[in-house]
PDB file of N, CA and C in Angstrom:
ATOM      1  N   MET A   1       0.852  -1.158   0.000  1.00  0.00           N
ATOM      2  CA  MET A   1       0.000   0.000   0.000  1.00  0.00           C
ATOM      3  C   MET A   1       0.895   1.218   0.000  1.00  0.00           C
ATOM      4  N   GLU A   2       0.828   1.951  -1.059  1.00  0.00           N
ATOM      5  CA  GLU A   2       1.628   3.173  -1.211  1.00  0.00           C
ATOM      6  C   GLU A   2       0.783   4.178  -1.954  1.00  0.00           C
ATOM      7  N   ASP A   3       0.621   5.359  -1.385  1.00  0.00           N
ATOM      8  CA  ASP A   3      -0.240   6.362  -2.006  1.00  0.00           C
ATOM      9  C   ASP A   3       0.472   7.198  -3.068  1.00  0.00           C
ATOM     10  N   GLU A   4       1.777   7.119  -3.149  1.00  0.00           N
ATOM     11  CA  GLU A   4       2.528   7.846  -4.178  1.00  0.00           C
ATOM     12  C   GLU A   4       2.621   6.956  -5.424  1.00  0.00           C
ATOM     13  N   PRO A   5       1.950   7.343  -6.532  1.00  0.00           N
ATOM     14  CA  PRO A   5       1.855   6.462  -7.706  1.00  0.00           C
ATOM     15  C   PRO A   5       3.190   5.958  -8.252  1.00  0.00           C
ATOM     16  N   LEU A   6       4.165   6.828  -8.408  1.00  0.00           N
ATOM     17  CA  LEU A   6       5.439   6.404  -8.994  1.00  0.00           C
ATOM     18  C   LEU A   6       6.166   5.422  -8.080  1.00  0.00           C
ATOM     19  N   VAL A   7       6.192   5.696  -6.792  1.00  0.00           N
ATOM     20  CA  VAL A   7       6.844   4.793  -5.831  1.00  0.00           C
ATOM     21  C   VAL A   7       6.143   3.440  -5.849  1.00  0.00           C
ATOM     22  N   ARG A   8       4.804   3.452  -5.856  1.00  0.00           N
ATOM     23  CA  ARG A   8       4.028   2.208  -5.878  1.00  0.00           C
ATOM     24  C   ARG A   8       4.314   1.404  -7.144  1.00  0.00           C
ATOM     25  N   GLU A   9       4.283   2.072  -8.288  1.00  0.00           N
ATOM     26  CA  GLU A   9       4.490   1.383  -9.561  1.00  0.00           C
ATOM     27  C   GLU A   9       5.869   0.741  -9.646  1.00  0.00           C
ATOM     28  N   VAL A  10       6.896   1.510  -9.319  1.00  0.00           N
ATOM     29  CA  VAL A  10       8.271   1.000  -9.405  1.00  0.00           C
ATOM     30  C   VAL A  10       8.484  -0.138  -8.402  1.00  0.00           C
ATOM     31  N   THR A  11       8.004   0.034  -7.188  1.00  0.00           N
ATOM     32  CA  THR A  11       8.174  -0.998  -6.161  1.00  0.00           C
ATOM     33  C   THR A  11       7.469  -2.286  -6.563  1.00  0.00           C
ATOM     34  N   CYS A  12       6.247  -2.179  -7.041  1.00  0.00           N
ATOM     35  CA  CYS A  12       5.494  -3.374  -7.452  1.00  0.00           C
ATOM     36  C   CYS A  12       6.169  -4.082  -8.624  1.00  0.00           C
ATOM     37  N   ARG A  13       6.621  -3.302  -9.578  1.00  0.00           N
ATOM     38  CA  ARG A  13       7.291  -3.891 -10.745  1.00  0.00           C
ATOM     39  C   ARG A  13       8.564  -4.627 -10.332  1.00  0.00           C
ATOM     40  N   ARG A  14       9.348  -4.009  -9.453  1.00  0.00           N
ATOM     41  CA  ARG A  14      10.611  -4.616  -9.014  1.00  0.00           C
ATOM     42  C   ARG A  14      10.358  -5.858  -8.170  1.00  0.00           C
ATOM     43  N   LEU A  15       9.350  -5.820  -7.283  1.00  0.00           N
ATOM     44  CA  LEU A  15       9.034  -7.004  -6.472  1.00  0.00           C
ATOM     45  C   LEU A  15       8.524  -8.145  -7.356  1.00  0.00           C
ATOM     46  N   SER A  16       7.715  -7.824  -8.338  1.00  0.00           N
ATOM     47  CA  SER A  16       7.228  -8.851  -9.275  1.00  0.00           C
ATOM     48  C   SER A  16       8.390  -9.476 -10.032  1.00  0.00           C
ATOM     49  N   ALA A  17       9.353  -8.658 -10.442  1.00  0.00           N
ATOM     50  CA  ALA A  17      10.527  -9.160 -11.154  1.00  0.00           C
ATOM     51  C   ALA A  17      11.369 -10.079 -10.268  1.00  0.00           C
ATOM     52  N   CYS A  18      11.258  -9.906  -8.956  1.00  0.00           N
ATOM     53  CA  CYS A  18      11.981 -10.766  -8.001  1.00  0.00           C
ATOM     54  C   CYS A  18      11.187 -12.026  -7.658  1.00  0.00           C
ATOM     55  N   GLY A  19      10.037 -12.205  -8.284  1.00  0.00           N
ATOM     56  CA  GLY A  19       9.258 -13.418  -8.082  1.00  0.00           C
ATOM     57  C   GLY A  19       8.118 -13.308  -7.085  1.00  0.00           C
ATOM     58  N   TYR A  20       7.878 -12.144  -6.551  1.00  0.00           N
ATOM     59  CA  TYR A  20       6.777 -11.970  -5.609  1.00  0.00           C
ATOM     60  C   TYR A  20       5.473 -11.719  -6.350  1.00  0.00           C
ATOM     61  N   GLN A  21       4.376 -12.271  -5.840  1.00  0.00           N
ATOM     62  CA  GLN A  21       3.047 -11.931  -6.339  1.00  0.00           C
ATOM     63  C   GLN A  21       2.621 -10.701  -5.540  1.00  0.00           C
ATOM     64  N   VAL A  22       2.307  -9.622  -6.228  1.00  0.00           N
ATOM     65  CA  VAL A  22       2.043  -8.347  -5.565  1.00  0.00           C
ATOM     66  C   VAL A  22       0.599  -7.923  -5.783  1.00  0.00           C
ATOM     67  N   LEU A  23      -0.054  -7.551  -4.689  1.00  0.00           N
ATOM     68  CA  LEU A  23      -1.357  -6.900  -4.750  1.00  0.00           C
ATOM     69  C   LEU A  23      -1.095  -5.427  -4.467  1.00  0.00           C
ATOM     70  N   SER A  24      -1.474  -4.570  -5.376  1.00  0.00           N
ATOM     71  CA  SER A  24      -1.131  -3.157  -5.283  1.00  0.00           C
ATOM     72  C   SER A  24      -2.353  -2.314  -4.979  1.00  0.00           C
ATOM     73  N   ALA A  25      -2.220  -1.412  -4.000  1.00  0.00           N
ATOM     74  CA  ALA A  25      -3.321  -0.520  -3.648  1.00  0.00           C
ATOM     75  C   ALA A  25      -2.796   0.899  -3.496  1.00  0.00           C
ATOM     76  N   ALA A  26      -3.614   1.863  -3.929  1.00  0.00           N
ATOM     77  CA  ALA A  26      -3.234   3.270  -3.869  1.00  0.00           C
ATOM     78  C   ALA A  26      -3.664   3.932  -2.568  1.00  0.00           C
ATOM     79  N   GLY A  27      -4.549   3.299  -1.832  1.00  0.00           N
ATOM     80  CA  GLY A  27      -5.029   3.876  -0.585  1.00  0.00           C
ATOM     81  C   GLY A  27      -5.500   2.786   0.363  1.00  0.00           C
ATOM     82  N   PRO A  28      -5.677   3.135   1.628  1.00  0.00           N
ATOM     83  CA  PRO A  28      -6.070   2.143   2.629  1.00  0.00           C
ATOM     84  C   PRO A  28      -7.398   1.453   2.329  1.00  0.00           C
ATOM     85  N   LEU A  29      -8.392   2.196   1.894  1.00  0.00           N
ATOM     86  CA  LEU A  29      -9.696   1.574   1.615  1.00  0.00           C
ATOM     87  C   LEU A  29      -9.605   0.617   0.431  1.00  0.00           C
ATOM     88  N   GLU A  30      -8.805   0.980  -0.560  1.00  0.00           N
ATOM     89  CA  GLU A  30      -8.571   0.086  -1.696  1.00  0.00           C
ATOM     90  C   GLU A  30      -7.835  -1.169  -1.237  1.00  0.00           C
ATOM     91  N   ALA A  31      -6.883  -1.027  -0.328  1.00  0.00           N
ATOM     92  CA  ALA A  31      -6.144  -2.182   0.199  1.00  0.00           C
ATOM     93  C   ALA A  31      -7.066  -3.127   0.954  1.00  0.00           C
ATOM     94  N   ILE A  32      -7.979  -2.578   1.732  1.00  0.00           N
ATOM     95  CA  ILE A  32      -8.931  -3.407   2.487  1.00  0.00           C
ATOM     96  C   ILE A  32      -9.837  -4.175   1.525  1.00  0.00           C
ATOM     97  N   ALA A  33     -10.357  -3.492   0.527  1.00  0.00           N
ATOM     98  CA  ALA A  33     -11.225  -4.151  -0.459  1.00  0.00           C
ATOM     99  C   ALA A  33     -10.463  -5.213  -1.241  1.00  0.00           C
ATOM    100  N   LEU A  34      -9.239  -4.917  -1.613  1.00  0.00           N
ATOM    101  CA  LEU A  34      -8.413  -5.869  -2.355  1.00  0.00           C
ATOM    102  C   LEU A  34      -8.142  -7.114  -1.524  1.00  0.00           C
ATOM    103  N   ALA A  35      -7.811  -6.930  -0.262  1.00  0.00           N
ATOM    104  CA  ALA A  35      -7.548  -8.077   0.628  1.00  0.00           C
ATOM    105  C   ALA A  35      -8.802  -8.914   0.832  1.00  0.00           C
ATOM    106  N   LYS A  36      -9.939  -8.265   0.976  1.00  0.00           N
ATOM    107  CA  LYS A  36     -11.204  -9.009   1.155  1.00  0.00           C
ATOM    108  C   LYS A  36     -11.528  -9.854  -0.070  1.00  0.00           C
ATOM    109  N   GLY A  37     -11.215  -9.332  -1.253  1.00  0.00           N
ATOM    110  CA  GLY A  37     -11.515 -10.045  -2.484  1.00  0.00           C
ATOM    111  C   GLY A  37     -10.477 -11.075  -2.890  1.00  0.00           C
ATOM    112  N   HIS A  38      -9.342 -11.095  -2.198  1.00  0.00           N
ATOM    113  CA  HIS A  38      -8.263 -12.024  -2.544  1.00  0.00           C
ATOM    114  C   HIS A  38      -8.449 -13.329  -1.777  1.00  0.00           C
ATOM    115  N   ARG A  39      -8.602 -14.419  -2.500  1.00  0.00           N
ATOM    116  CA  ARG A  39      -8.873 -15.723  -1.874  1.00  0.00           C
ATOM    117  C   ARG A  39      -7.648 -16.393  -1.285  1.00  0.00           C
ATOM    118  N   GLY A  40      -6.491 -16.109  -1.834  1.00  0.00           N
ATOM    119  CA  GLY A  40      -5.269 -16.762  -1.373  1.00  0.00           C
ATOM    120  C   GLY A  40      -4.680 -16.098  -0.144  1.00  0.00           C
ATOM    121  N   PRO A  41      -3.597 -16.674   0.347  1.00  0.00           N
ATOM    122  CA  PRO A  41      -2.932 -16.076   1.511  1.00  0.00           C
ATOM    123  C   PRO A  41      -2.223 -14.775   1.135  1.00  0.00           C
ATOM    124  N   ILE A  42      -2.029 -13.942   2.115  1.00  0.00           N
ATOM    125  CA  ILE A  42      -1.218 -12.735   1.967  1.00  0.00           C
ATOM    126  C   ILE A  42      -0.100 -12.870   2.989  1.00  0.00           C
ATOM    127  N   ALA A  43       1.128 -12.962   2.499  1.00  0.00           N
ATOM    128  CA  ALA A  43       2.272 -13.229   3.374  1.00  0.00           C
ATOM    129  C   ALA A  43       2.646 -12.015   4.209  1.00  0.00           C
ATOM    130  N   ILE A  44       2.527 -10.821   3.614  1.00  0.00           N
ATOM    131  CA  ILE A  44       2.986  -9.620   4.319  1.00  0.00           C
ATOM    132  C   ILE A  44       2.318  -8.386   3.718  1.00  0.00           C
ATOM    133  N   LEU A  45       2.027  -7.447   4.574  1.00  0.00           N
ATOM    134  CA  LEU A  45       1.557  -6.130   4.160  1.00  0.00           C
ATOM    135  C   LEU A  45       2.760  -5.198   4.194  1.00  0.00           C
ATOM    136  N   VAL A  46       3.039  -4.554   3.071  1.00  0.00           N
ATOM    137  CA  VAL A  46       4.077  -3.539   3.012  1.00  0.00           C
ATOM    138  C   VAL A  46       3.324  -2.229   2.811  1.00  0.00           C
ATOM    139  N   THR A  47       3.400  -1.347   3.803  1.00  0.00           N
ATOM    140  CA  THR A  47       2.585  -0.140   3.759  1.00  0.00           C
ATOM    141  C   THR A  47       3.314   1.081   4.287  1.00  0.00           C
ATOM    142  N   ASP A  48       2.970   2.194   3.710  1.00  0.00           N
ATOM    143  CA  ASP A  48       3.434   3.469   4.222  1.00  0.00           C
ATOM    144  C   ASP A  48       2.791   3.678   5.591  1.00  0.00           C
ATOM    145  N   ILE A  49       3.430   4.421   6.467  1.00  0.00           N
ATOM    146  CA  ILE A  49       2.841   4.707   7.775  1.00  0.00           C
ATOM    147  C   ILE A  49       1.927   5.921   7.686  1.00  0.00           C
ATOM    148  N   VAL A  50       2.429   6.998   7.106  1.00  0.00           N
ATOM    149  CA  VAL A  50       1.672   8.238   7.035  1.00  0.00           C
ATOM    150  C   VAL A  50       0.978   8.312   5.676  1.00  0.00           C
ATOM    151  N   MET A  51      -0.374   8.326   5.720  1.00  0.00           N
ATOM    152  CA  MET A  51      -1.169   8.377   4.503  1.00  0.00           C
ATOM    153  C   MET A  51      -2.461   9.123   4.799  1.00  0.00           C
ATOM    154  N   PRO A  52      -3.145   9.550   3.757  1.00  0.00           N
ATOM    155  CA  PRO A  52      -4.447  10.174   3.973  1.00  0.00           C
ATOM    156  C   PRO A  52      -5.469   9.127   4.432  1.00  0.00           C
ATOM    157  N   ASP A  53      -6.467   9.538   5.132  1.00  0.00           N
ATOM    158  CA  ASP A  53      -7.609   8.708   5.558  1.00  0.00           C
ATOM    159  C   ASP A  53      -7.327   7.791   6.741  1.00  0.00           C
ATOM    160  N   MET A  54      -6.186   7.117   6.746  1.00  0.00           N
ATOM    161  CA  MET A  54      -5.904   6.103   7.756  1.00  0.00           C
ATOM    162  C   MET A  54      -4.396   5.874   7.766  1.00  0.00           C
ATOM    163  N   ASN A  55      -3.785   5.749   8.955  1.00  0.00           N
ATOM    164  CA  ASN A  55      -2.342   5.499   8.950  1.00  0.00           C
ATOM    165  C   ASN A  55      -2.066   4.004   8.792  1.00  0.00           C
ATOM    166  N   GLY A  56      -0.827   3.666   8.570  1.00  0.00           N
ATOM    167  CA  GLY A  56      -0.442   2.279   8.314  1.00  0.00           C
ATOM    168  C   GLY A  56      -0.774   1.333   9.455  1.00  0.00           C
ATOM    169  N   ARG A  57      -0.645   1.813  10.692  1.00  0.00           N
ATOM    170  CA  ARG A  57      -0.981   0.954  11.843  1.00  0.00           C
ATOM    171  C   ARG A  57      -2.467   0.643  11.864  1.00  0.00           C
ATOM    172  N   GLU A  58      -3.299   1.635  11.539  1.00  0.00           N
ATOM    173  CA  GLU A  58      -4.743   1.404  11.486  1.00  0.00           C
ATOM    174  C   GLU A  58      -5.093   0.433  10.364  1.00  0.00           C
ATOM    175  N   LEU A  59      -4.444   0.590   9.210  1.00  0.00           N
ATOM    176  CA  LEU A  59      -4.671  -0.324   8.090  1.00  0.00           C
ATOM    177  C   LEU A  59      -4.301  -1.743   8.490  1.00  0.00           C
ATOM    178  N   HIS A  60      -3.156  -1.917   9.103  1.00  0.00           N
ATOM    179  CA  HIS A  60      -2.733  -3.251   9.534  1.00  0.00           C
ATOM    180  C   HIS A  60      -3.749  -3.848  10.514  1.00  0.00           C
ATOM    181  N   ALA A  61      -4.232  -3.056  11.445  1.00  0.00           N
ATOM    182  CA  ALA A  61      -5.228  -3.538  12.407  1.00  0.00           C
ATOM    183  C   ALA A  61      -6.510  -3.972  11.704  1.00  0.00           C
ATOM    184  N   ARG A  62      -6.960  -3.200  10.737  1.00  0.00           N
ATOM    185  CA  ARG A  62      -8.183  -3.558  10.000  1.00  0.00           C
ATOM    186  C   ARG A  62      -7.990  -4.849   9.213  1.00  0.00           C
ATOM    187  N   LEU A  63      -6.836  -4.991   8.564  1.00  0.00           N
ATOM    188  CA  LEU A  63      -6.585  -6.200   7.782  1.00  0.00           C
ATOM    189  C   LEU A  63      -6.382  -7.416   8.674  1.00  0.00           C
ATOM    190  N   THR A  64      -5.770  -7.222   9.827  1.00  0.00           N
ATOM    191  CA  THR A  64      -5.531  -8.329  10.756  1.00  0.00           C
ATOM    192  C   THR A  64      -6.844  -8.869  11.320  1.00  0.00           C
ATOM    193  N   ALA A  65      -7.855  -8.039  11.392  1.00  0.00           N
ATOM    194  CA  ALA A  65      -9.171  -8.502  11.856  1.00  0.00           C
ATOM    195  C   ALA A  65      -9.710  -9.591  10.925  1.00  0.00           C
ATOM    196  N   GLU A  66      -9.420  -9.475   9.655  1.00  0.00           N
ATOM    197  CA  GLU A  66      -9.848 -10.460   8.657  1.00  0.00           C
ATOM    198  C   GLU A  66      -8.803 -11.557   8.433  1.00  0.00           C
ATOM    199  N   ARG A  67      -7.558 -11.211   8.668  1.00  0.00           N
ATOM    200  CA  ARG A  67      -6.441 -12.125   8.414  1.00  0.00           C
ATOM    201  C   ARG A  67      -5.498 -12.119   9.621  1.00  0.00           C
ATOM    202  N   PRO A  68      -5.892 -12.831  10.667  1.00  0.00           N
ATOM    203  CA  PRO A  68      -5.053 -12.849  11.890  1.00  0.00           C
ATOM    204  C   PRO A  68      -3.626 -13.294  11.580  1.00  0.00           C
ATOM    205  N   GLY A  69      -2.680 -12.642  12.226  1.00  0.00           N
ATOM    206  CA  GLY A  69      -1.279 -13.005  12.038  1.00  0.00           C
ATOM    207  C   GLY A  69      -0.623 -12.366  10.835  1.00  0.00           C
ATOM    208  N   LEU A  70      -1.341 -11.484  10.125  1.00  0.00           N
ATOM    209  CA  LEU A  70      -0.754 -10.828   8.959  1.00  0.00           C
ATOM    210  C   LEU A  70       0.472 -10.031   9.384  1.00  0.00           C
ATOM    211  N   ARG A  71       1.600 -10.324   8.768  1.00  0.00           N
ATOM    212  CA  ARG A  71       2.844  -9.626   9.067  1.00  0.00           C
ATOM    213  C   ARG A  71       2.868  -8.285   8.330  1.00  0.00           C
ATOM    214  N   VAL A  72       3.680  -7.368   8.834  1.00  0.00           N
ATOM    215  CA  VAL A  72       3.711  -6.038   8.230  1.00  0.00           C
ATOM    216  C   VAL A  72       5.129  -5.476   8.225  1.00  0.00           C
ATOM    217  N   LEU A  73       5.438  -4.780   7.141  1.00  0.00           N
ATOM    218  CA  LEU A  73       6.650  -3.980   7.028  1.00  0.00           C
ATOM    219  C   LEU A  73       6.188  -2.571   6.715  1.00  0.00           C
ATOM    220  N   TYR A  74       6.499  -1.647   7.613  1.00  0.00           N
ATOM    221  CA  TYR A  74       6.138  -0.256   7.413  1.00  0.00           C
ATOM    222  C   TYR A  74       7.236   0.461   6.643  1.00  0.00           C
ATOM    223  N   MET A  75       6.816   1.449   5.832  1.00  0.00           N
ATOM    224  CA  MET A  75       7.746   2.297   5.094  1.00  0.00           C
ATOM    225  C   MET A  75       7.474   3.737   5.505  1.00  0.00           C
ATOM    226  N   SER A  76       8.518   4.545   5.507  1.00  0.00           N
ATOM    227  CA  SER A  76       8.301   5.960   5.772  1.00  0.00           C
ATOM    228  C   SER A  76       9.469   6.795   5.274  1.00  0.00           C
ATOM    229  N   GLY A  77       9.130   7.955   4.773  1.00  0.00           N
ATOM    230  CA  GLY A  77      10.128   8.945   4.418  1.00  0.00           C
ATOM    231  C   GLY A  77      10.368   9.912   5.569  1.00  0.00           C
ATOM    232  N   TYR A  78       9.535   9.800   6.604  1.00  0.00           N
ATOM    233  CA  TYR A  78       9.686  10.643   7.797  1.00  0.00           C
ATOM    234  C   TYR A  78      10.659   9.993   8.754  1.00  0.00           C
ATOM    235  N   SER A  79      11.201  10.815   9.653  1.00  0.00           N
ATOM    236  CA  SER A  79      12.090  10.265  10.669  1.00  0.00           C
ATOM    237  C   SER A  79      11.651  10.744  12.042  1.00  0.00           C
ATOM    238  N   GLY A  80      12.039   9.996  13.039  1.00  0.00           N
ATOM    239  CA  GLY A  80      11.886  10.343  14.451  1.00  0.00           C
ATOM    240  C   GLY A  80      10.660  11.123  14.838  1.00  0.00           C
ATOM    241  N   ASP A  81      10.874  12.380  15.272  1.00  0.00           N
ATOM    242  CA  ASP A  81       9.801  13.216  15.801  1.00  0.00           C
ATOM    243  C   ASP A  81       8.717  13.501  14.769  1.00  0.00           C
ATOM    244  N   THR A  82       9.108  13.721  13.524  1.00  0.00           N
ATOM    245  CA  THR A  82       8.125  13.994  12.480  1.00  0.00           C
ATOM    246  C   THR A  82       7.200  12.806  12.298  1.00  0.00           C
ATOM    247  N   LEU A  83       7.754  11.619  12.314  1.00  0.00           N
ATOM    248  CA  LEU A  83       6.957  10.402  12.201  1.00  0.00           C
ATOM    249  C   LEU A  83       5.996  10.289  13.373  1.00  0.00           C
ATOM    250  N   ALA A  84       6.457  10.547  14.568  1.00  0.00           N
ATOM    251  CA  ALA A  84       5.617  10.497  15.771  1.00  0.00           C
ATOM    252  C   ALA A  84       4.482  11.516  15.681  1.00  0.00           C
ATOM    253  N   ASP A  85       4.756  12.688  15.145  1.00  0.00           N
ATOM    254  CA  ASP A  85       3.738  13.725  15.002  1.00  0.00           C
ATOM    255  C   ASP A  85       2.606  13.307  14.064  1.00  0.00           C
ATOM    256  N   HIS A  86       2.872  12.373  13.173  1.00  0.00           N
ATOM    257  CA  HIS A  86       1.875  11.906  12.210  1.00  0.00           C
ATOM    258  C   HIS A  86       1.270  10.559  12.607  1.00  0.00           C
ATOM    259  N   GLY A  87       1.337  10.189  13.867  1.00  0.00           N
ATOM    260  CA  GLY A  87       0.741   8.929  14.314  1.00  0.00           C
ATOM    261  C   GLY A  87       1.565   7.724  13.991  1.00  0.00           C
ATOM    262  N   GLY A  88       2.844   7.920  13.727  1.00  0.00           N
ATOM    263  CA  GLY A  88       3.696   6.824  13.306  1.00  0.00           C
ATOM    264  C   GLY A  88       4.574   6.262  14.398  1.00  0.00           C
ATOM    265  N   VAL A  89       4.186   6.414  15.649  1.00  0.00           N
ATOM    266  CA  VAL A  89       4.980   5.859  16.740  1.00  0.00           C
ATOM    267  C   VAL A  89       4.900   4.340  16.657  1.00  0.00           C
ATOM    268  N   LEU A  90       6.045   3.709  16.615  1.00  0.00           N
ATOM    269  CA  LEU A  90       6.088   2.260  16.460  1.00  0.00           C
ATOM    270  C   LEU A  90       6.723   1.645  17.694  1.00  0.00           C
ATOM    271  N   GLY A  91       6.203   0.509  18.105  1.00  0.00           N
ATOM    272  CA  GLY A  91       6.734  -0.174  19.272  1.00  0.00           C
ATOM    273  C   GLY A  91       7.912  -1.057  18.930  1.00  0.00           C
ATOM    274  N   GLU A  92       8.467  -1.638  19.962  1.00  0.00           N
ATOM    275  CA  GLU A  92       9.589  -2.551  19.802  1.00  0.00           C
ATOM    276  C   GLU A  92       9.167  -3.767  18.988  1.00  0.00           C
ATOM    277  N   GLY A  93      10.055  -4.225  18.136  1.00  0.00           N
ATOM    278  CA  GLY A  93       9.772  -5.407  17.323  1.00  0.00           C
ATOM    279  C   GLY A  93       8.989  -5.112  16.054  1.00  0.00           C
ATOM    280  N   VAL A  94       8.669  -3.835  15.817  1.00  0.00           N
ATOM    281  CA  VAL A  94       7.950  -3.453  14.603  1.00  0.00           C
ATOM    282  C   VAL A  94       8.982  -3.183  13.519  1.00  0.00           C
ATOM    283  N   HIS A  95       8.698  -3.639  12.322  1.00  0.00           N
ATOM    284  CA  HIS A  95       9.646  -3.527  11.217  1.00  0.00           C
ATOM    285  C   HIS A  95       9.372  -2.266  10.403  1.00  0.00           C
ATOM    286  N   LEU A  96      10.422  -1.477  10.174  1.00  0.00           N
ATOM    287  CA  LEU A  96      10.316  -0.217   9.448  1.00  0.00           C
ATOM    288  C   LEU A  96      11.490  -0.099   8.487  1.00  0.00           C
ATOM    289  N   ILE A  97      11.181   0.310   7.265  1.00  0.00           N
ATOM    290  CA  ILE A  97      12.214   0.600   6.277  1.00  0.00           C
ATOM    291  C   ILE A  97      12.053   2.068   5.885  1.00  0.00           C
ATOM    292  N   HIS A  98      13.158   2.780   5.860  1.00  0.00           N
ATOM    293  CA  HIS A  98      13.122   4.210   5.558  1.00  0.00           C
ATOM    294  C   HIS A  98      13.284   4.461   4.071  1.00  0.00           C
ATOM    295  N   LYS A  99      12.467   5.350   3.548  1.00  0.00           N
ATOM    296  CA  LYS A  99      12.584   5.796   2.163  1.00  0.00           C
ATOM    297  C   LYS A  99      13.665   6.854   2.093  1.00  0.00           C
ATOM    298  N   PRO A 100      14.392   6.914   1.025  1.00  0.00           N
ATOM    299  CA  PRO A 100      14.368   5.991  -0.117  1.00  0.00           C
ATOM    300  C   PRO A 100      15.135   4.711   0.218  1.00  0.00           C
ATOM    301  N   PHE A 101      14.702   3.620  -0.370  1.00  0.00           N
ATOM    302  CA  PHE A 101      15.369   2.340  -0.173  1.00  0.00           C
ATOM    303  C   PHE A 101      15.550   1.673  -1.528  1.00  0.00           C
ATOM    304  N   GLY A 102      16.479   0.754  -1.588  1.00  0.00           N
ATOM    305  CA  GLY A 102      16.713  -0.003  -2.810  1.00  0.00           C
ATOM    306  C   GLY A 102      15.935  -1.307  -2.770  1.00  0.00           C
ATOM    307  N   ILE A 103      15.784  -1.915  -3.917  1.00  0.00           N
ATOM    308  CA  ILE A 103      15.026  -3.169  -3.995  1.00  0.00           C
ATOM    309  C   ILE A 103      15.704  -4.273  -3.199  1.00  0.00           C
ATOM    310  N   ALA A 104      17.025  -4.304  -3.168  1.00  0.00           N
ATOM    311  CA  ALA A 104      17.730  -5.339  -2.392  1.00  0.00           C
ATOM    312  C   ALA A 104      17.421  -5.190  -0.903  1.00  0.00           C
ATOM    313  N   GLU A 105      17.421  -3.972  -0.410  1.00  0.00           N
ATOM    314  CA  GLU A 105      17.091  -3.736   1.003  1.00  0.00           C
ATOM    315  C   GLU A 105      15.645  -4.128   1.290  1.00  0.00           C
ATOM    316  N   LEU A 106      14.725  -3.770   0.393  1.00  0.00           N
ATOM    317  CA  LEU A 106      13.313  -4.104   0.577  1.00  0.00           C
ATOM    318  C   LEU A 106      13.095  -5.616   0.576  1.00  0.00           C
ATOM    319  N   THR A 107      13.647  -6.313  -0.413  1.00  0.00           N
ATOM    320  CA  THR A 107      13.444  -7.764  -0.478  1.00  0.00           C
ATOM    321  C   THR A 107      14.104  -8.468   0.708  1.00  0.00           C
ATOM    322  N   HIS A 108      15.222  -7.945   1.179  1.00  0.00           N
ATOM    323  CA  HIS A 108      15.880  -8.515   2.360  1.00  0.00           C
ATOM    324  C   HIS A 108      14.967  -8.393   3.583  1.00  0.00           C
ATOM    325  N   GLU A 109      14.380  -7.223   3.778  1.00  0.00           N
ATOM    326  CA  GLU A 109      13.484  -7.019   4.929  1.00  0.00           C
ATOM    327  C   GLU A 109      12.240  -7.893   4.827  1.00  0.00           C
ATOM    328  N   ILE A 110      11.659  -7.975   3.648  1.00  0.00           N
ATOM    329  CA  ILE A 110      10.475  -8.823   3.450  1.00  0.00           C
ATOM    330  C   ILE A 110      10.811 -10.273   3.768  1.00  0.00           C
ATOM    331  N   ARG A 111      11.897 -10.760   3.208  1.00  0.00           N
ATOM    332  CA  ARG A 111      12.303 -12.157   3.418  1.00  0.00           C
ATOM    333  C   ARG A 111      12.554 -12.429   4.893  1.00  0.00           C
ATOM    334  N   LYS A 112      13.233 -11.499   5.575  1.00  0.00           N
ATOM    335  CA  LYS A 112      13.541 -11.661   6.997  1.00  0.00           C
ATOM    336  C   LYS A 112      12.247 -11.773   7.817  1.00  0.00           C
ATOM    337  N   ILE A 113      11.264 -10.945   7.539  1.00  0.00           N
ATOM    338  CA  ILE A 113      10.004 -10.964   8.286  1.00  0.00           C
ATOM    339  C   ILE A 113       9.214 -12.228   7.972  1.00  0.00           C
ATOM    340  N   VAL A 114       9.099 -12.571   6.711  1.00  0.00           N
ATOM    341  CA  VAL A 114       8.330 -13.763   6.325  1.00  0.00           C
ATOM    342  C   VAL A 114       8.987 -15.032   6.863  1.00  0.00           C
ATOM    343  N   ASP A 115      10.311 -15.137   6.734  1.00  0.00           N
ATOM    344  CA  ASP A 115      10.999 -16.336   7.199  1.00  0.00           C
ATOM    345  C   ASP A 115      10.943 -16.483   8.721  1.00  0.00           C
ATOM    346  N   ALA A 116      10.975 -15.378   9.442  1.00  0.00           N
ATOM    347  CA  ALA A 116      10.936 -15.420  10.912  1.00  0.00           C
ATOM    348  C   ALA A 116       9.601 -15.925  11.430  1.00  0.00           C
ATOM    349  N   ASN A 117       8.571 -15.763  10.642  1.00  0.00           N
ATOM    350  CA  ASN A 117       7.234 -16.146  11.088  1.00  0.00           C
ATOM    351  C   ASN A 117       6.702 -17.383  10.383  1.00  0.00           C
ATOM    352  N   SER A 118       7.566 -18.104   9.706  1.00  0.00           N
ATOM    353  CA  SER A 118       7.096 -19.296   8.975  1.00  0.00           C
ATOM    354  C   SER A 118       7.141 -20.534   9.834  1.00  0.00           C
TER     355      SER A 118
END
């Protein structure tokens, strides 16, 4: 889930090229509808933290209600205090990748989270 079109498009294309099946959403409500309509498993939610309508933690909570145990990797271009000001306070053990990031860093984080919970 990424609300910035270019970032979403490039990230999805690169993850698909690495062999991942990607469900792409431009906003939280679209992500919820997409997850509800998807019959197969969803290994991980990769979502921005700060977004319009709903923050990433709220999105994860809504999706987890339908898919208990859904893992999440948060993304953000904000740091420290700015992130906290936008509702992005994250607890211990929460996975966060800072923008900008490379595809190798992203796939490494995804693999680490998915493998740890398998």
